[in-house]
N, C-alpha and C. Protein backbone atom coordinates (compact mmCIF):
# COMPACT_ATOMS: atom_id res chain seq x y z
N UNK A 1 54.82 73.37 -76.42
CA UNK A 1 53.59 73.45 -75.58
C UNK A 1 53.37 71.95 -75.27
N UNK A 2 53.81 71.12 -76.01
CA UNK A 2 53.62 69.44 -75.61
C UNK A 2 54.73 69.32 -74.69
N UNK A 3 55.58 70.28 -74.15
CA UNK A 3 56.43 69.88 -72.97
C UNK A 3 55.78 70.16 -71.95
N UNK A 4 54.90 71.23 -71.92
CA UNK A 4 53.97 71.90 -71.18
C UNK A 4 52.81 71.13 -70.71
N UNK A 5 52.20 70.23 -71.71
CA UNK A 5 51.26 69.46 -71.38
C UNK A 5 51.93 68.05 -70.74
N UNK A 6 52.92 67.60 -71.15
CA UNK A 6 53.58 66.41 -70.74
C UNK A 6 53.63 66.56 -69.23
N UNK A 7 54.30 67.80 -69.07
CA UNK A 7 54.68 68.17 -67.55
C UNK A 7 53.38 68.30 -66.50
N UNK A 8 52.51 69.24 -67.20
CA UNK A 8 51.33 69.28 -66.61
C UNK A 8 50.66 68.07 -66.34
N UNK A 9 50.32 67.31 -67.13
CA UNK A 9 49.76 66.11 -66.81
C UNK A 9 50.53 64.82 -66.24
N UNK A 10 51.53 64.91 -66.26
CA UNK A 10 52.46 63.61 -65.52
C UNK A 10 52.51 64.28 -64.26
N UNK A 11 52.68 65.40 -63.81
CA UNK A 11 52.86 65.82 -62.36
C UNK A 11 51.69 65.46 -61.40
N UNK A 12 50.80 65.56 -61.59
CA UNK A 12 49.32 64.99 -60.69
C UNK A 12 49.26 63.55 -61.02
N UNK A 13 49.61 63.09 -62.30
CA UNK A 13 49.34 61.76 -62.09
C UNK A 13 50.51 60.92 -61.31
N UNK A 14 51.78 61.43 -61.24
CA UNK A 14 52.72 60.92 -60.32
C UNK A 14 52.39 61.31 -59.15
N UNK A 15 51.62 62.26 -58.84
CA UNK A 15 51.55 62.54 -57.14
C UNK A 15 50.50 61.93 -56.87
N UNK A 16 49.52 61.36 -57.83
CA UNK A 16 48.30 60.59 -57.33
C UNK A 16 48.87 59.41 -57.20
N UNK A 17 49.74 58.74 -57.93
CA UNK A 17 50.31 57.32 -58.03
C UNK A 17 51.15 57.14 -56.34
N UNK A 18 51.95 58.39 -56.40
CA UNK A 18 52.85 58.54 -55.08
C UNK A 18 51.86 58.64 -53.82
N UNK A 19 51.07 59.17 -54.16
CA UNK A 19 50.06 59.46 -52.92
C UNK A 19 49.20 58.23 -52.48
N UNK A 20 49.09 57.54 -53.74
CA UNK A 20 48.54 56.18 -53.71
C UNK A 20 49.09 55.13 -52.87
N UNK A 21 50.50 55.29 -53.30
CA UNK A 21 51.43 54.36 -52.46
C UNK A 21 51.74 54.69 -51.07
N UNK A 22 51.77 55.76 -50.87
CA UNK A 22 52.04 56.55 -49.63
C UNK A 22 50.68 56.03 -48.82
N UNK A 23 49.70 55.99 -49.36
CA UNK A 23 48.31 55.84 -48.46
C UNK A 23 48.16 54.24 -48.31
N UNK A 24 48.54 53.57 -49.44
CA UNK A 24 48.58 52.08 -49.40
C UNK A 24 49.72 51.46 -48.33
N UNK A 25 50.89 52.00 -48.13
CA UNK A 25 51.50 52.27 -46.91
C UNK A 25 51.27 52.40 -45.50
N UNK A 26 50.58 53.25 -45.93
CA UNK A 26 49.98 53.79 -44.21
C UNK A 26 49.07 52.72 -43.76
N UNK A 27 48.19 52.48 -44.68
CA UNK A 27 47.26 51.33 -44.45
C UNK A 27 47.77 50.47 -44.04
N UNK A 28 48.87 50.08 -44.73
CA UNK A 28 49.35 48.44 -44.15
C UNK A 28 49.95 48.62 -43.11
N UNK A 29 50.57 49.73 -42.30
CA UNK A 29 51.02 50.14 -40.98
C UNK A 29 49.81 49.74 -40.21
N UNK A 30 48.64 50.16 -40.58
CA UNK A 30 47.66 49.87 -39.63
C UNK A 30 46.71 48.39 -39.69
N UNK A 31 46.90 47.82 -40.57
CA UNK A 31 46.25 46.98 -41.38
C UNK A 31 45.94 45.86 -40.33
N UNK A 32 46.38 45.23 -39.83
CA UNK A 32 46.59 44.08 -38.47
C UNK A 32 45.52 44.91 -37.32
N UNK A 33 45.96 46.51 -37.16
CA UNK A 33 45.04 46.43 -35.99
C UNK A 33 43.83 46.91 -36.52
N UNK A 34 43.45 47.33 -37.85
CA UNK A 34 42.02 47.20 -38.34
C UNK A 34 41.53 46.22 -38.32
N UNK A 35 42.30 45.04 -39.04
CA UNK A 35 41.38 43.90 -39.13
C UNK A 35 41.11 43.12 -37.97
N UNK A 36 41.98 43.29 -36.71
CA UNK A 36 41.44 42.82 -35.34
C UNK A 36 40.19 43.67 -34.94
N UNK A 37 40.28 45.04 -35.25
CA UNK A 37 39.27 45.88 -34.84
C UNK A 37 38.07 45.24 -35.46
N UNK A 38 37.96 45.10 -37.10
CA UNK A 38 36.95 44.48 -37.72
C UNK A 38 36.33 43.31 -37.00
N UNK A 39 37.44 42.48 -36.70
CA UNK A 39 37.10 41.13 -36.26
C UNK A 39 36.32 41.39 -34.80
N UNK A 40 36.75 42.13 -33.85
CA UNK A 40 35.89 42.60 -32.52
C UNK A 40 34.80 42.84 -32.81
N UNK A 41 34.72 43.81 -33.85
CA UNK A 41 33.23 44.39 -34.18
C UNK A 41 32.22 43.38 -34.90
N UNK A 42 32.81 42.57 -35.59
CA UNK A 42 31.91 41.74 -36.15
C UNK A 42 31.81 40.32 -35.07
N UNK A 43 32.75 40.18 -34.16
CA UNK A 43 32.35 38.99 -32.94
C UNK A 43 31.38 39.93 -32.00
N UNK A 44 31.56 41.13 -31.69
CA UNK A 44 30.47 41.73 -30.67
C UNK A 44 29.18 41.92 -31.38
N UNK A 45 29.20 42.05 -32.67
CA UNK A 45 27.85 42.10 -33.57
C UNK A 45 27.30 40.89 -33.16
N UNK A 46 28.00 39.62 -33.74
CA UNK A 46 27.56 38.46 -33.64
C UNK A 46 27.02 38.05 -32.34
N UNK A 47 27.92 38.16 -31.40
CA UNK A 47 27.55 37.92 -30.13
C UNK A 47 26.23 38.68 -29.66
N UNK A 48 25.99 40.06 -29.88
CA UNK A 48 24.85 40.72 -29.40
C UNK A 48 23.70 39.94 -30.56
N UNK A 49 23.74 39.58 -31.55
CA UNK A 49 22.70 38.85 -32.20
C UNK A 49 22.09 37.62 -31.52
N UNK A 50 23.06 36.80 -31.34
CA UNK A 50 23.06 35.44 -30.89
C UNK A 50 22.53 35.48 -29.49
N UNK A 51 22.71 36.54 -28.69
CA UNK A 51 22.23 36.48 -27.27
C UNK A 51 20.96 37.11 -27.39
N UNK A 52 20.49 38.12 -28.35
CA UNK A 52 19.28 38.46 -28.57
C UNK A 52 18.26 37.46 -29.02
N UNK A 53 18.71 36.65 -29.94
CA UNK A 53 17.97 35.36 -30.19
C UNK A 53 17.78 34.38 -29.00
N UNK A 54 18.98 34.33 -28.42
CA UNK A 54 18.85 33.28 -27.31
C UNK A 54 17.61 33.94 -26.18
N UNK A 55 17.73 35.09 -25.66
CA UNK A 55 16.83 35.79 -24.84
C UNK A 55 15.53 35.69 -25.21
N UNK A 56 15.30 35.84 -26.71
CA UNK A 56 14.00 35.57 -27.23
C UNK A 56 13.57 34.09 -27.24
N UNK A 57 14.35 33.32 -27.54
CA UNK A 57 13.93 31.70 -27.13
C UNK A 57 13.73 31.42 -25.72
N UNK A 58 14.51 32.03 -24.87
CA UNK A 58 14.22 31.80 -23.19
C UNK A 58 13.04 32.47 -22.90
N UNK A 59 12.78 33.85 -23.52
CA UNK A 59 11.08 33.94 -23.17
C UNK A 59 10.08 33.41 -23.89
N UNK A 60 10.30 32.88 -24.95
CA UNK A 60 9.20 32.03 -25.65
C UNK A 60 9.24 30.87 -25.08
N UNK A 61 10.25 29.99 -24.39
CA UNK A 61 10.00 28.86 -23.30
C UNK A 61 9.53 29.17 -22.31
N UNK A 62 10.20 29.94 -21.77
CA UNK A 62 9.51 30.70 -20.51
C UNK A 62 7.68 30.63 -20.56
N UNK A 63 7.32 31.27 -21.45
CA UNK A 63 5.77 31.40 -21.74
C UNK A 63 5.31 30.03 -22.50
N UNK A 64 5.88 29.38 -23.15
CA UNK A 64 5.51 27.75 -23.37
C UNK A 64 5.32 27.07 -22.00
N UNK A 65 6.46 27.03 -21.51
CA UNK A 65 6.44 26.34 -20.17
C UNK A 65 5.12 26.95 -19.15
N UNK A 66 4.98 28.26 -18.68
CA UNK A 66 3.79 28.95 -18.14
C UNK A 66 2.62 28.06 -18.53
N UNK A 67 2.31 28.38 -19.79
CA UNK A 67 0.99 27.85 -20.50
C UNK A 67 0.80 26.44 -20.32
N UNK A 68 1.87 25.61 -20.50
CA UNK A 68 1.74 24.10 -20.45
C UNK A 68 1.71 23.83 -18.92
N UNK A 69 2.59 24.48 -17.83
CA UNK A 69 2.10 24.05 -16.52
C UNK A 69 0.66 24.49 -16.02
N UNK A 70 0.26 25.61 -16.68
CA UNK A 70 -1.24 26.06 -16.47
C UNK A 70 -2.13 25.17 -16.56
N UNK A 71 -1.95 24.68 -17.88
CA UNK A 71 -2.68 23.64 -18.62
C UNK A 71 -2.76 22.29 -17.95
N UNK A 72 -1.52 21.85 -17.33
CA UNK A 72 -1.49 20.69 -16.88
C UNK A 72 -2.05 20.93 -15.48
N UNK A 73 -1.90 21.69 -14.80
CA UNK A 73 -2.37 21.88 -13.32
C UNK A 73 -3.98 22.02 -13.47
N UNK A 74 -4.50 22.74 -14.60
CA UNK A 74 -5.96 22.80 -14.38
C UNK A 74 -6.59 21.49 -15.09
N UNK A 75 -5.72 20.62 -15.79
CA UNK A 75 -6.33 19.31 -16.03
C UNK A 75 -6.26 18.43 -15.16
N UNK A 76 -5.14 18.38 -14.15
CA UNK A 76 -5.00 17.60 -12.88
C UNK A 76 -6.11 17.86 -11.85
N UNK A 77 -6.17 18.90 -12.15
CA UNK A 77 -7.51 19.37 -10.96
C UNK A 77 -8.95 19.31 -11.37
N UNK A 78 -9.05 19.37 -12.49
CA UNK A 78 -10.28 18.83 -13.08
C UNK A 78 -10.31 17.48 -12.69
N UNK A 79 -9.27 16.81 -13.02
CA UNK A 79 -9.37 14.98 -12.90
C UNK A 79 -9.23 14.78 -11.54
N UNK A 80 -8.89 15.36 -10.46
CA UNK A 80 -8.93 15.23 -9.20
C UNK A 80 -10.68 15.47 -8.70
N UNK A 81 -11.26 16.81 -9.36
CA UNK A 81 -12.70 17.20 -8.86
C UNK A 81 -13.16 16.01 -9.51
N UNK A 82 -12.98 15.49 -10.53
CA UNK A 82 -13.90 14.39 -11.16
C UNK A 82 -13.94 13.05 -10.65
N UNK A 83 -12.66 12.74 -10.02
CA UNK A 83 -12.45 11.27 -9.32
C UNK A 83 -13.20 11.48 -7.90
N UNK A 84 -13.16 12.69 -7.11
CA UNK A 84 -13.78 13.31 -6.20
C UNK A 84 -15.43 12.75 -6.38
N UNK A 85 -16.24 13.30 -7.43
CA UNK A 85 -17.25 13.57 -7.62
C UNK A 85 -17.89 11.99 -7.80
N UNK A 86 -16.92 11.24 -8.70
CA UNK A 86 -17.26 9.70 -8.63
C UNK A 86 -17.36 9.19 -7.61
N UNK A 87 -16.06 9.54 -6.63
CA UNK A 87 -16.41 8.69 -5.70
C UNK A 87 -17.36 9.01 -4.65
N UNK A 88 -18.20 10.36 -4.67
CA UNK A 88 -19.25 10.69 -3.59
C UNK A 88 -20.56 9.88 -4.50
N UNK A 89 -20.37 10.04 -5.61
CA UNK A 89 -21.92 9.40 -6.17
C UNK A 89 -21.64 7.74 -5.94
N UNK A 90 -20.73 7.08 -5.96
CA UNK A 90 -20.61 5.79 -5.70
C UNK A 90 -20.99 5.49 -4.31
N UNK A 91 -20.52 6.40 -3.30
CA UNK A 91 -20.78 6.14 -2.00
C UNK A 91 -22.31 6.28 -1.74
N UNK A 92 -22.87 7.43 -2.43
CA UNK A 92 -24.38 7.82 -2.21
C UNK A 92 -24.92 6.60 -2.73
N UNK A 93 -24.73 5.94 -4.14
CA UNK A 93 -25.66 5.08 -4.92
C UNK A 93 -25.57 3.69 -3.92
N UNK A 94 -24.17 3.44 -3.21
CA UNK A 94 -23.83 2.37 -2.65
C UNK A 94 -24.81 2.13 -1.42
N UNK A 95 -24.81 3.28 -0.73
CA UNK A 95 -25.44 3.31 0.51
C UNK A 95 -27.01 3.58 0.15
N UNK A 96 -27.25 4.01 -0.88
CA UNK A 96 -28.63 3.74 -1.23
C UNK A 96 -29.21 2.32 -1.63
N UNK A 97 -28.28 1.72 -2.26
CA UNK A 97 -28.57 0.28 -2.35
C UNK A 97 -28.54 -0.72 -1.25
N UNK A 98 -27.76 -0.16 -0.30
CA UNK A 98 -27.66 -0.96 0.90
C UNK A 98 -28.86 -0.75 1.71
N UNK A 99 -29.44 0.36 1.66
CA UNK A 99 -30.54 0.70 2.36
C UNK A 99 -31.54 -0.22 1.97
N UNK A 100 -31.94 -0.02 0.71
CA UNK A 100 -32.91 -0.46 -0.42
C UNK A 100 -32.96 -2.31 0.03
N UNK A 101 -31.69 -2.58 -0.29
CA UNK A 101 -31.41 -4.25 0.19
C UNK A 101 -31.90 -4.48 1.57
N UNK A 102 -31.51 -3.88 2.48
CA UNK A 102 -31.80 -4.17 3.73
C UNK A 102 -33.20 -4.23 4.47
N UNK A 103 -33.86 -2.90 3.16
CA UNK A 103 -35.25 -3.02 3.80
C UNK A 103 -36.08 -4.08 2.96
N UNK A 104 -35.76 -4.30 1.71
CA UNK A 104 -36.51 -5.74 1.09
C UNK A 104 -36.07 -6.91 1.65
N UNK A 105 -35.09 -7.11 2.21
CA UNK A 105 -34.59 -8.28 2.79
C UNK A 105 -35.18 -8.53 3.99
N UNK A 106 -35.65 -7.73 4.58
CA UNK A 106 -36.37 -7.33 6.05
C UNK A 106 -37.90 -7.51 5.84
N UNK A 107 -38.43 -6.90 4.50
CA UNK A 107 -39.68 -7.37 4.37
C UNK A 107 -39.70 -8.83 3.77
N UNK A 108 -38.81 -9.31 3.39
CA UNK A 108 -38.99 -10.67 2.68
C UNK A 108 -38.96 -11.83 3.51
N UNK A 109 -38.25 -11.49 4.41
CA UNK A 109 -37.98 -12.24 5.79
C UNK A 109 -39.17 -12.23 6.64
N UNK A 110 -39.78 -11.23 6.86
CA UNK A 110 -40.79 -10.89 7.63
C UNK A 110 -42.25 -11.55 7.15
N UNK A 111 -41.96 -11.63 5.82
CA UNK A 111 -43.45 -12.55 4.69
C UNK A 111 -43.29 -13.63 4.90
N UNK A 112 -41.99 -14.42 4.31
CA UNK A 112 -41.66 -15.73 4.26
C UNK A 112 -41.29 -16.35 5.32
N UNK A 113 -40.37 -15.79 6.21
CA UNK A 113 -39.78 -17.01 7.41
C UNK A 113 -39.97 -16.61 8.51
N UNK A 114 -40.70 -15.42 8.93
CA UNK A 114 -41.15 -15.28 10.47
C UNK A 114 -42.48 -14.75 10.30
N UNK A 115 -42.99 -15.45 11.20
CA UNK A 115 -44.42 -15.53 11.33
C UNK A 115 -44.52 -14.16 12.71
N UNK A 116 -45.21 -13.26 12.75
CA UNK A 116 -45.20 -12.26 14.07
C UNK A 116 -46.12 -13.04 14.77
N UNK A 117 -47.24 -13.53 14.60
CA UNK A 117 -48.06 -14.20 15.79
C UNK A 117 -47.11 -15.15 16.43
N UNK A 118 -46.64 -16.02 15.49
CA UNK A 118 -45.96 -17.55 16.43
C UNK A 118 -44.88 -16.54 17.13
N UNK A 119 -44.06 -15.74 16.50
CA UNK A 119 -43.01 -15.13 17.34
C UNK A 119 -43.16 -14.57 18.59
N UNK A 120 -44.74 -13.53 18.45
CA UNK A 120 -45.24 -13.33 19.61
C UNK A 120 -45.46 -14.32 20.51
N UNK A 121 -46.36 -15.18 20.26
CA UNK A 121 -46.43 -16.38 21.30
C UNK A 121 -45.24 -17.31 21.85
N UNK A 122 -44.07 -17.16 21.06
CA UNK A 122 -42.80 -17.92 21.19
C UNK A 122 -42.07 -16.83 22.32
N UNK A 123 -42.46 -15.58 22.25
CA UNK A 123 -41.68 -14.47 23.49
C UNK A 123 -42.35 -14.59 24.53
N UNK A 124 -43.96 -14.68 24.59
CA UNK A 124 -44.70 -14.99 25.51
C UNK A 124 -44.53 -16.09 26.33
N UNK A 125 -43.77 -17.24 25.79
CA UNK A 125 -43.77 -18.40 26.58
C UNK A 125 -42.35 -18.45 27.07
N UNK A 126 -41.26 -17.50 26.30
CA UNK A 126 -40.23 -17.50 27.09
C UNK A 126 -40.22 -16.61 28.35
N UNK A 127 -40.92 -15.50 28.03
CA UNK A 127 -41.25 -14.66 29.30
C UNK A 127 -41.79 -15.46 30.52
N UNK A 128 -42.66 -16.27 30.28
CA UNK A 128 -43.22 -17.04 31.74
C UNK A 128 -42.20 -18.13 31.77
N UNK A 129 -41.58 -18.98 31.16
CA UNK A 129 -40.60 -19.75 31.67
C UNK A 129 -39.39 -18.80 32.33
N UNK A 130 -39.07 -17.73 31.90
CA UNK A 130 -38.10 -16.69 32.90
C UNK A 130 -38.95 -16.39 33.94
N UNK A 131 -40.17 -16.44 34.05
CA UNK A 131 -40.53 -15.74 35.52
C UNK A 131 -40.51 -17.00 36.12
N UNK A 132 -40.99 -18.02 35.82
CA UNK A 132 -40.84 -19.36 36.80
C UNK A 132 -39.53 -19.36 37.17
N UNK A 133 -38.72 -19.55 36.26
CA UNK A 133 -37.15 -19.63 36.69
C UNK A 133 -36.77 -18.73 37.89
N UNK A 134 -37.19 -17.26 37.69
CA UNK A 134 -36.58 -16.24 38.58
C UNK A 134 -37.24 -16.49 40.03
N UNK A 135 -38.48 -17.11 39.80
CA UNK A 135 -39.28 -17.21 41.17
C UNK A 135 -38.30 -18.35 41.60
N UNK A 136 -38.04 -19.80 41.18
CA UNK A 136 -37.23 -20.75 41.77
C UNK A 136 -36.04 -20.22 42.16
N UNK A 137 -35.32 -19.37 41.43
CA UNK A 137 -34.08 -18.69 41.88
C UNK A 137 -34.01 -18.00 43.38
N UNK A 138 -35.04 -17.11 43.35
CA UNK A 138 -35.46 -16.43 44.35
C UNK A 138 -35.74 -17.58 45.70
N UNK A 139 -36.39 -18.68 45.57
CA UNK A 139 -36.86 -19.33 46.85
C UNK A 139 -35.27 -20.07 47.01
N UNK A 140 -34.95 -20.51 45.97
CA UNK A 140 -33.59 -21.22 46.48
C UNK A 140 -32.67 -20.48 47.20
N UNK A 141 -32.56 -18.79 46.72
CA UNK A 141 -31.78 -18.26 47.52
C UNK A 141 -32.19 -17.99 48.89
N UNK A 142 -33.63 -18.03 49.11
CA UNK A 142 -34.14 -17.91 50.20
C UNK A 142 -33.70 -19.08 51.10
N UNK A 143 -33.63 -20.04 50.56
CA UNK A 143 -33.53 -21.02 51.28
C UNK A 143 -31.74 -21.42 51.77
N UNK A 144 -31.39 -20.78 50.85
CA UNK A 144 -29.71 -20.85 51.03
C UNK A 144 -29.55 -20.19 52.18
N UNK A 145 -30.17 -18.59 52.13
CA UNK A 145 -29.95 -17.63 53.40
C UNK A 145 -30.53 -18.38 54.46
N UNK A 146 -31.55 -19.10 54.71
CA UNK A 146 -31.95 -19.45 55.87
C UNK A 146 -31.16 -20.70 56.17
N UNK A 147 -30.44 -21.87 55.61
CA UNK A 147 -29.44 -22.72 55.81
C UNK A 147 -28.18 -22.42 56.35
N UNK A 148 -27.66 -21.26 55.80
CA UNK A 148 -26.62 -20.23 56.15
C UNK A 148 -26.80 -19.84 57.47
N UNK A 149 -27.98 -18.89 57.67
CA UNK A 149 -28.07 -18.48 59.45
C UNK A 149 -28.24 -19.64 60.13
N UNK A 150 -28.73 -20.77 59.97
CA UNK A 150 -28.88 -21.78 60.62
C UNK A 150 -27.41 -22.45 60.88
N UNK A 151 -26.80 -22.41 59.95
CA UNK A 151 -25.37 -23.11 59.99
C UNK A 151 -24.54 -21.93 61.06
N UNK A 152 -24.61 -20.79 60.73
CA UNK A 152 -23.84 -19.79 61.34
C UNK A 152 -24.43 -19.83 62.93
N UNK A 153 -25.61 -19.93 63.09
CA UNK A 153 -26.36 -20.42 64.26
C UNK A 153 -25.52 -21.31 65.45
N UNK A 154 -25.53 -22.38 64.35
CA UNK A 154 -25.02 -23.94 65.22
C UNK A 154 -23.36 -23.63 65.23
N UNK A 155 -22.73 -22.87 64.30
CA UNK A 155 -21.50 -22.77 64.62
C UNK A 155 -21.47 -22.06 65.90
N UNK A 156 -21.94 -20.61 66.19
CA UNK A 156 -21.83 -20.09 67.23
C UNK A 156 -22.09 -20.37 68.37
N UNK A 157 -23.21 -21.52 68.27
CA UNK A 157 -23.53 -22.19 69.79
C UNK A 157 -22.46 -23.13 69.88
N UNK A 158 -21.82 -24.07 69.02
CA UNK A 158 -20.83 -24.74 69.58
C UNK A 158 -19.56 -24.13 69.90
N UNK A 159 -19.39 -23.01 69.37
CA UNK A 159 -18.19 -22.32 69.52
C UNK A 159 -18.30 -21.65 71.40
N UNK A 160 -19.76 -20.98 71.55
CA UNK A 160 -19.96 -20.70 72.82
C UNK A 160 -19.80 -21.78 73.69
N UNK A 161 -20.20 -23.16 73.39
CA UNK A 161 -20.16 -24.22 74.42
C UNK A 161 -18.69 -24.51 74.27
N UNK A 162 -17.95 -24.64 73.64
CA UNK A 162 -16.67 -24.77 73.76
C UNK A 162 -15.65 -24.07 74.66
N UNK A 163 -16.29 -22.68 74.62
CA UNK A 163 -15.93 -21.60 75.23
C UNK A 163 -16.46 -21.61 76.86
N UNK A 164 -17.58 -22.00 76.64
CA UNK A 164 -18.06 -22.33 78.03
C UNK A 164 -17.95 -23.21 78.93
N UNK A 165 -17.70 -24.43 78.11
CA UNK A 165 -16.55 -25.73 78.93
C UNK A 165 -15.31 -25.47 79.30
N UNK A 166 -15.02 -24.80 78.62
CA UNK A 166 -13.16 -24.20 78.92
C UNK A 166 -13.41 -23.42 80.51
N UNK A 167 -14.20 -22.81 80.55
CA UNK A 167 -14.19 -21.76 81.92
C UNK A 167 -15.07 -22.49 82.66
N UNK A 168 -14.22 -23.17 83.58
CA UNK A 168 -14.96 -24.22 84.65
C UNK A 168 -15.36 -23.68 85.76
N UNK A 169 -14.94 -22.15 86.05
CA UNK A 169 -15.23 -21.78 87.13
C UNK A 169 -16.71 -21.55 87.12
N UNK A 170 -17.52 -20.98 85.67
CA UNK A 170 -18.67 -20.78 85.50
C UNK A 170 -19.90 -21.74 85.42
N UNK A 171 -19.02 -23.10 85.29
CA UNK A 171 -20.08 -24.08 85.41
C UNK A 171 -20.58 -24.55 86.74
N UNK A 172 -21.49 -25.37 86.74
CA UNK A 172 -22.15 -25.53 88.14
C UNK A 172 -21.40 -26.81 88.75
N UNK A 173 -21.72 -26.72 89.98
CA UNK A 173 -21.17 -28.08 90.81
C UNK A 173 -22.26 -28.50 91.46
N UNK A 174 -22.10 -29.60 92.17
CA UNK A 174 -23.22 -30.21 93.18
C UNK A 174 -23.43 -29.31 94.18
N UNK A 175 -22.27 -28.87 94.36
CA UNK A 175 -22.64 -27.75 95.91
C UNK A 175 -23.27 -26.15 95.46
N UNK A 176 -22.49 -25.91 94.38
CA UNK A 176 -22.49 -24.32 93.93
C UNK A 176 -23.28 -24.41 92.26
N UNK A 177 -24.83 -23.75 92.18
CA UNK A 177 -25.11 -23.58 90.84
C UNK A 177 -24.20 -22.88 90.22
N UNK A 178 -24.12 -23.21 88.60
CA UNK A 178 -23.30 -22.23 87.86
C UNK A 178 -24.13 -21.30 87.13
N UNK A 179 -23.65 -20.44 86.22
CA UNK A 179 -24.17 -19.58 85.71
C UNK A 179 -25.01 -20.08 84.23
N UNK A 180 -24.55 -21.13 84.02
CA UNK A 180 -25.52 -21.43 82.87
C UNK A 180 -26.39 -22.34 83.25
N UNK A 181 -26.78 -22.65 84.30
CA UNK A 181 -27.80 -23.39 84.89
C UNK A 181 -29.35 -22.71 84.71
N UNK A 182 -30.24 -23.41 84.41
CA UNK A 182 -31.85 -22.66 84.38
C UNK A 182 -32.19 -22.23 85.45
N UNK A 183 -32.93 -21.36 85.68
CA UNK A 183 -33.55 -20.59 86.79
C UNK A 183 -34.19 -21.98 87.23
N UNK A 184 -34.91 -22.70 86.63
CA UNK A 184 -36.10 -23.46 87.26
C UNK A 184 -35.71 -24.46 88.29
N UNK A 185 -34.09 -24.82 87.43
CA UNK A 185 -33.47 -26.02 88.35
C UNK A 185 -32.82 -25.63 89.61
N UNK A 186 -32.65 -24.18 89.63
CA UNK A 186 -32.02 -23.98 90.73
C UNK A 186 -33.00 -23.47 92.09
N UNK A 187 -34.04 -22.82 91.66
CA UNK A 187 -35.40 -22.62 92.62
C UNK A 187 -36.49 -22.50 91.90
N UNK A 188 -37.73 -22.43 92.74
CA UNK A 188 -38.95 -22.57 92.48
C UNK A 188 -39.50 -21.19 92.06
N UNK A 189 -38.45 -20.13 92.21
CA UNK A 189 -38.89 -18.69 91.92
C UNK A 189 -39.44 -18.61 90.41
N UNK A 190 -40.57 -17.87 90.23
CA UNK A 190 -40.85 -17.68 88.83
C UNK A 190 -41.08 -19.03 88.31
N UNK A 191 -41.10 -20.01 88.42
CA UNK A 191 -41.45 -21.14 87.73
C UNK A 191 -42.88 -20.95 87.04
N UNK A 192 -44.20 -20.48 87.60
CA UNK A 192 -45.04 -20.32 86.97
C UNK A 192 -45.33 -19.33 85.98
N UNK A 193 -44.22 -18.12 85.90
CA UNK A 193 -44.25 -17.08 84.95
C UNK A 193 -43.43 -17.46 83.93
N UNK A 194 -42.47 -18.40 84.07
CA UNK A 194 -41.69 -18.71 83.07
C UNK A 194 -42.27 -19.75 82.05
N UNK A 195 -43.01 -20.39 82.60
CA UNK A 195 -43.51 -21.30 81.64
C UNK A 195 -44.65 -20.79 81.23
N UNK A 196 -45.68 -19.85 81.59
CA UNK A 196 -46.47 -19.37 80.45
C UNK A 196 -46.12 -18.18 80.00
């Protein structure tokens, strides 16, 4: 029985060890392939995890940028609005202050520097002076016109005399009276009518 027992218990033990070694050898054959596959799986998993983390951070950065740009734009917009309002207020108050100063200075100068009655009197005096000067100027212009007309007449008479003296056939001689001789010199006809 001991023989049967030893054979019976040794056979499976031997086969288990042998099958273990066979399995170890089998696994040793594919060991490099399995290691490279495991490394590949780990690399892909890490890549997936890193990419997911990167995309989450990128999305968070996008949101932060969008919120910050909106905040900055609103802040700049309100800053510009406040500057424009301040500028408009300044212009309004400046124009109001200018108007008040102008009115007060006018009042002050009318009250303390310029007398209205004296000014009116002065303007009347100037007006009379201007009218006298204008009448003198008109008289002088009339005199100038009369003198100019007289000069032109004298010049025309002189030109006519020069022209007539050069036309000797129209002048009178002792025998024949000329065209320029007076009618009363030639005959007695109409003497009494011309003189009256």
